[in-house]
Amino acid sequence: MTFALPRFPPRPIRGVRVLHQKQNCAPHFAEIEVDFEPAGEGFAFEVAQELTVDYEPADDLSRFYAAAAMGIEEQLRLPEHGVAVATRVVLRRARADTFGSHVLAFKIAGYLAARKALEHTGCLRPDLG
């Protein structure tokens, strides 16, 4: 007998906000706010049309957004969560800093946002995370 994994998210999860900031010799800074919405299947990520971020060089922003998406998807697909990924993620807000923002900082922010959403739905227990 096989059992189907529960789909994630079971319902919309709005306004998941993460500030990843580390200050040392290799600073990190990334702030994102995302919505998780049920989807047919798989993982989809999009940037809200109205999103604007004051950051130079602006060309880096698309790489930062892709890194956040990668972090979210990688975290959701970890087998220990026991969920089938059927998720549409919308990036609603982002903030970057010239001296600490980079791809790794946004990837970590993505991991943290996914963990928050999993915890919110009971798929990730805070004492095991």
C-alpha atoms as a PDB file:
ATOM      1  CA  MET A   1       0.000   0.000   0.000  1.00  0.00           C
ATOM      2  CA  THR A   2       1.390   3.397  -0.925  1.00  0.00           C
ATOM      3  CA  PHE A   3       0.490   6.671   0.684  1.00  0.00           C
ATOM      4  CA  ALA A   4       0.410  10.009  -1.073  1.00  0.00           C
ATOM      5  CA  LEU A   5       2.442  12.718   0.570  1.00  0.00           C
ATOM      6  CA  PRO A   6       0.507  15.763   1.759  1.00  0.00           C
ATOM      7  CA  ARG A   7       0.766  18.671  -0.648  1.00  0.00           C
ATOM      8  CA  PHE A   8       2.541  21.842   0.398  1.00  0.00           C
ATOM      9  CA  PRO A   9       1.189  24.361   1.037  1.00  0.00           C
ATOM     10  CA  PRO A  10      -2.209  23.074   2.105  1.00  0.00           C
ATOM     11  CA  ARG A  11      -3.548  26.651   1.973  1.00  0.00           C
ATOM     12  CA  PRO A  12      -2.158  30.096   1.047  1.00  0.00           C
ATOM     13  CA  ILE A  13       0.482  31.448   3.401  1.00  0.00           C
ATOM     14  CA  ARG A  14       0.877  35.177   2.982  1.00  0.00           C
ATOM     15  CA  GLY A  15       3.568  37.596   4.085  1.00  0.00           C
ATOM     16  CA  VAL A  16       6.386  35.252   5.084  1.00  0.00           C
ATOM     17  CA  ARG A  17       9.122  37.749   5.904  1.00  0.00           C
ATOM     18  CA  VAL A  18      12.778  36.971   6.521  1.00  0.00           C
ATOM     19  CA  LEU A  19      15.691  39.231   7.328  1.00  0.00           C
ATOM     20  CA  HIS A  20      18.997  37.386   6.988  1.00  0.00           C
ATOM     21  CA  GLN A  21      21.770  39.570   8.318  1.00  0.00           C
ATOM     22  CA  LYS A  22      25.238  38.591   9.460  1.00  0.00           C
ATOM     23  CA  GLN A  23      27.878  41.150  10.291  1.00  0.00           C
ATOM     24  CA  ASN A  24      31.482  40.000  10.333  1.00  0.00           C
ATOM     25  CA  CYS A  25      34.389  39.955   7.916  1.00  0.00           C
ATOM     26  CA  ALA A  26      32.060  38.454   5.266  1.00  0.00           C
ATOM     27  CA  PRO A  27      28.736  40.242   5.804  1.00  0.00           C
ATOM     28  CA  HIS A  28      25.378  38.911   4.621  1.00  0.00           C
ATOM     29  CA  PHE A  29      22.230  40.940   4.043  1.00  0.00           C
ATOM     30  CA  ALA A  30      18.998  39.853   2.393  1.00  0.00           C
ATOM     31  CA  GLU A  31      15.427  40.677   3.234  1.00  0.00           C
ATOM     32  CA  ILE A  32      12.513  39.055   1.443  1.00  0.00           C
ATOM     33  CA  GLU A  33       8.785  38.710   1.844  1.00  0.00           C
ATOM     34  CA  VAL A  34       7.032  35.938  -0.051  1.00  0.00           C
ATOM     35  CA  ASP A  35       3.613  34.378  -0.418  1.00  0.00           C
ATOM     36  CA  PHE A  36       3.211  30.611  -0.737  1.00  0.00           C
ATOM     37  CA  GLU A  37       0.170  29.504  -2.718  1.00  0.00           C
ATOM     38  CA  PRO A  38      -1.098  26.028  -3.613  1.00  0.00           C
ATOM     39  CA  ALA A  39      -0.368  25.041  -7.206  1.00  0.00           C
ATOM     40  CA  GLY A  40      -1.237  22.117  -9.446  1.00  0.00           C
ATOM     41  CA  GLU A  41       2.144  20.473  -8.972  1.00  0.00           C
ATOM     42  CA  GLY A  42       5.826  21.288  -8.809  1.00  0.00           C
ATOM     43  CA  PHE A  43       7.469  24.572  -7.920  1.00  0.00           C
ATOM     44  CA  ALA A  44       6.944  27.967  -9.543  1.00  0.00           C
ATOM     45  CA  PHE A  45       8.525  31.253  -8.503  1.00  0.00           C
ATOM     46  CA  GLU A  46       7.659  34.707  -9.697  1.00  0.00           C
ATOM     47  CA  VAL A  47       8.501  38.268  -8.836  1.00  0.00           C
ATOM     48  CA  ALA A  48       5.523  40.564  -8.277  1.00  0.00           C
ATOM     49  CA  GLN A  49       5.253  43.124 -11.076  1.00  0.00           C
ATOM     50  CA  GLU A  50       5.024  46.008  -8.633  1.00  0.00           C
ATOM     51  CA  LEU A  51       8.262  45.057  -6.841  1.00  0.00           C
ATOM     52  CA  THR A  52      10.971  47.697  -6.957  1.00  0.00           C
ATOM     53  CA  VAL A  53      14.268  47.544  -5.110  1.00  0.00           C
ATOM     54  CA  ASP A  54      16.664  50.448  -4.720  1.00  0.00           C
ATOM     55  CA  TYR A  55      19.985  48.693  -5.363  1.00  0.00           C
ATOM     56  CA  GLU A  56      22.943  49.170  -7.685  1.00  0.00           C
ATOM     57  CA  PRO A  57      23.979  47.433  -9.825  1.00  0.00           C
ATOM     58  CA  ALA A  58      20.356  46.598 -10.644  1.00  0.00           C
ATOM     59  CA  ASP A  59      21.488  43.716 -12.871  1.00  0.00           C
ATOM     60  CA  ASP A  60      22.396  41.752  -9.716  1.00  0.00           C
ATOM     61  CA  LEU A  61      18.790  41.686  -8.541  1.00  0.00           C
ATOM     62  CA  SER A  62      17.688  38.935 -10.935  1.00  0.00           C
ATOM     63  CA  ARG A  63      20.504  36.717  -9.624  1.00  0.00           C
ATOM     64  CA  PHE A  64      19.459  37.486  -6.023  1.00  0.00           C
ATOM     65  CA  TYR A  65      15.838  36.581  -6.809  1.00  0.00           C
ATOM     66  CA  ALA A  66      16.905  33.330  -8.502  1.00  0.00           C
ATOM     67  CA  ALA A  67      19.027  32.452  -5.463  1.00  0.00           C
ATOM     68  CA  ALA A  68      16.067  33.034  -3.118  1.00  0.00           C
ATOM     69  CA  ALA A  69      13.925  30.796  -5.334  1.00  0.00           C
ATOM     70  CA  MET A  70      16.601  28.089  -5.276  1.00  0.00           C
ATOM     71  CA  GLY A  71      16.863  28.252  -1.488  1.00  0.00           C
ATOM     72  CA  ILE A  72      13.093  27.966  -1.089  1.00  0.00           C
ATOM     73  CA  GLU A  73      12.777  25.041  -3.490  1.00  0.00           C
ATOM     74  CA  GLU A  74      15.745  23.138  -2.041  1.00  0.00           C
ATOM     75  CA  GLN A  75      14.363  23.466   1.490  1.00  0.00           C
ATOM     76  CA  LEU A  76      10.847  22.392   0.479  1.00  0.00           C
ATOM     77  CA  ARG A  77      12.147  19.317  -1.357  1.00  0.00           C
ATOM     78  CA  LEU A  78      14.099  17.907   1.588  1.00  0.00           C
ATOM     79  CA  PRO A  79      12.703  14.406   2.190  1.00  0.00           C
ATOM     80  CA  GLU A  80      12.480  14.848   5.954  1.00  0.00           C
ATOM     81  CA  HIS A  81       9.588  17.301   5.498  1.00  0.00           C
ATOM     82  CA  GLY A  82       7.454  14.556   3.945  1.00  0.00           C
ATOM     83  CA  VAL A  83       5.538  16.826   1.583  1.00  0.00           C
ATOM     84  CA  ALA A  84       4.807  16.880  -2.128  1.00  0.00           C
ATOM     85  CA  VAL A  85       5.811  20.286  -3.474  1.00  0.00           C
ATOM     86  CA  ALA A  86       2.862  21.909  -5.240  1.00  0.00           C
ATOM     87  CA  THR A  87       3.779  25.524  -4.667  1.00  0.00           C
ATOM     88  CA  ARG A  88       3.638  28.880  -6.360  1.00  0.00           C
ATOM     89  CA  VAL A  89       5.838  31.413  -4.566  1.00  0.00           C
ATOM     90  CA  VAL A  90       5.480  35.133  -5.199  1.00  0.00           C
ATOM     91  CA  LEU A  91       8.245  37.494  -4.133  1.00  0.00           C
ATOM     92  CA  ARG A  92       6.393  40.565  -2.843  1.00  0.00           C
ATOM     93  CA  ARG A  93       9.195  42.539  -1.210  1.00  0.00           C
ATOM     94  CA  ALA A  94      12.990  42.508  -1.229  1.00  0.00           C
ATOM     95  CA  ARG A  95      15.742  44.640   0.195  1.00  0.00           C
ATOM     96  CA  ALA A  96      19.434  44.507  -0.606  1.00  0.00           C
ATOM     97  CA  ASP A  97      22.500  46.301   0.699  1.00  0.00           C
ATOM     98  CA  THR A  98      25.613  47.240  -1.263  1.00  0.00           C
ATOM     99  CA  PHE A  99      27.993  45.867   1.363  1.00  0.00           C
ATOM    100  CA  GLY A 100      26.370  42.580   2.329  1.00  0.00           C
ATOM    101  CA  SER A 101      23.988  41.417  -0.359  1.00  0.00           C
ATOM    102  CA  HIS A 102      25.059  38.582  -2.612  1.00  0.00           C
ATOM    103  CA  VAL A 103      23.711  35.343  -4.035  1.00  0.00           C
ATOM    104  CA  LEU A 104      24.470  33.254  -0.935  1.00  0.00           C
ATOM    105  CA  ALA A 105      22.712  35.722   1.383  1.00  0.00           C
ATOM    106  CA  PHE A 106      19.545  35.522  -0.726  1.00  0.00           C
ATOM    107  CA  LYS A 107      19.736  31.733  -0.984  1.00  0.00           C
ATOM    108  CA  ILE A 108      19.900  31.497   2.812  1.00  0.00           C
ATOM    109  CA  ALA A 109      16.964  33.922   3.092  1.00  0.00           C
ATOM    110  CA  GLY A 110      15.056  31.586   0.772  1.00  0.00           C
ATOM    111  CA  TYR A 111      15.865  28.571   2.978  1.00  0.00           C
ATOM    112  CA  LEU A 112      14.687  30.484   6.028  1.00  0.00           C
ATOM    113  CA  ALA A 113      11.440  31.608   4.356  1.00  0.00           C
ATOM    114  CA  ALA A 114      10.613  28.034   3.370  1.00  0.00           C
ATOM    115  CA  ARG A 115      11.344  26.805   6.902  1.00  0.00           C
ATOM    116  CA  LYS A 116       9.049  29.497   8.319  1.00  0.00           C
ATOM    117  CA  ALA A 117       6.243  28.464   5.972  1.00  0.00           C
ATOM    118  CA  LEU A 118       6.746  24.768   6.782  1.00  0.00           C
ATOM    119  CA  GLU A 119       6.681  25.568  10.486  1.00  0.00           C
ATOM    120  CA  HIS A 120       3.539  27.660  10.032  1.00  0.00           C
ATOM    121  CA  THR A 121       1.694  24.644   8.570  1.00  0.00           C
ATOM    122  CA  GLY A 122       3.054  22.153  11.093  1.00  0.00           C
ATOM    123  CA  CYS A 123       5.294  20.380   8.567  1.00  0.00           C
ATOM    124  CA  LEU A 124       8.415  21.491  10.435  1.00  0.00           C
ATOM    125  CA  ARG A 125       8.538  21.353  14.189  1.00  0.00           C
ATOM    126  CA  PRO A 126      10.593  24.235  15.624  1.00  0.00           C
ATOM    127  CA  ASP A 127      12.375  21.885  18.040  1.00  0.00           C
ATOM    128  CA  LEU A 128      13.589  19.697  15.162  1.00  0.00           C
ATOM    129  CA  GLY A 129      14.531  22.481  12.740  1.00  0.00           C
END
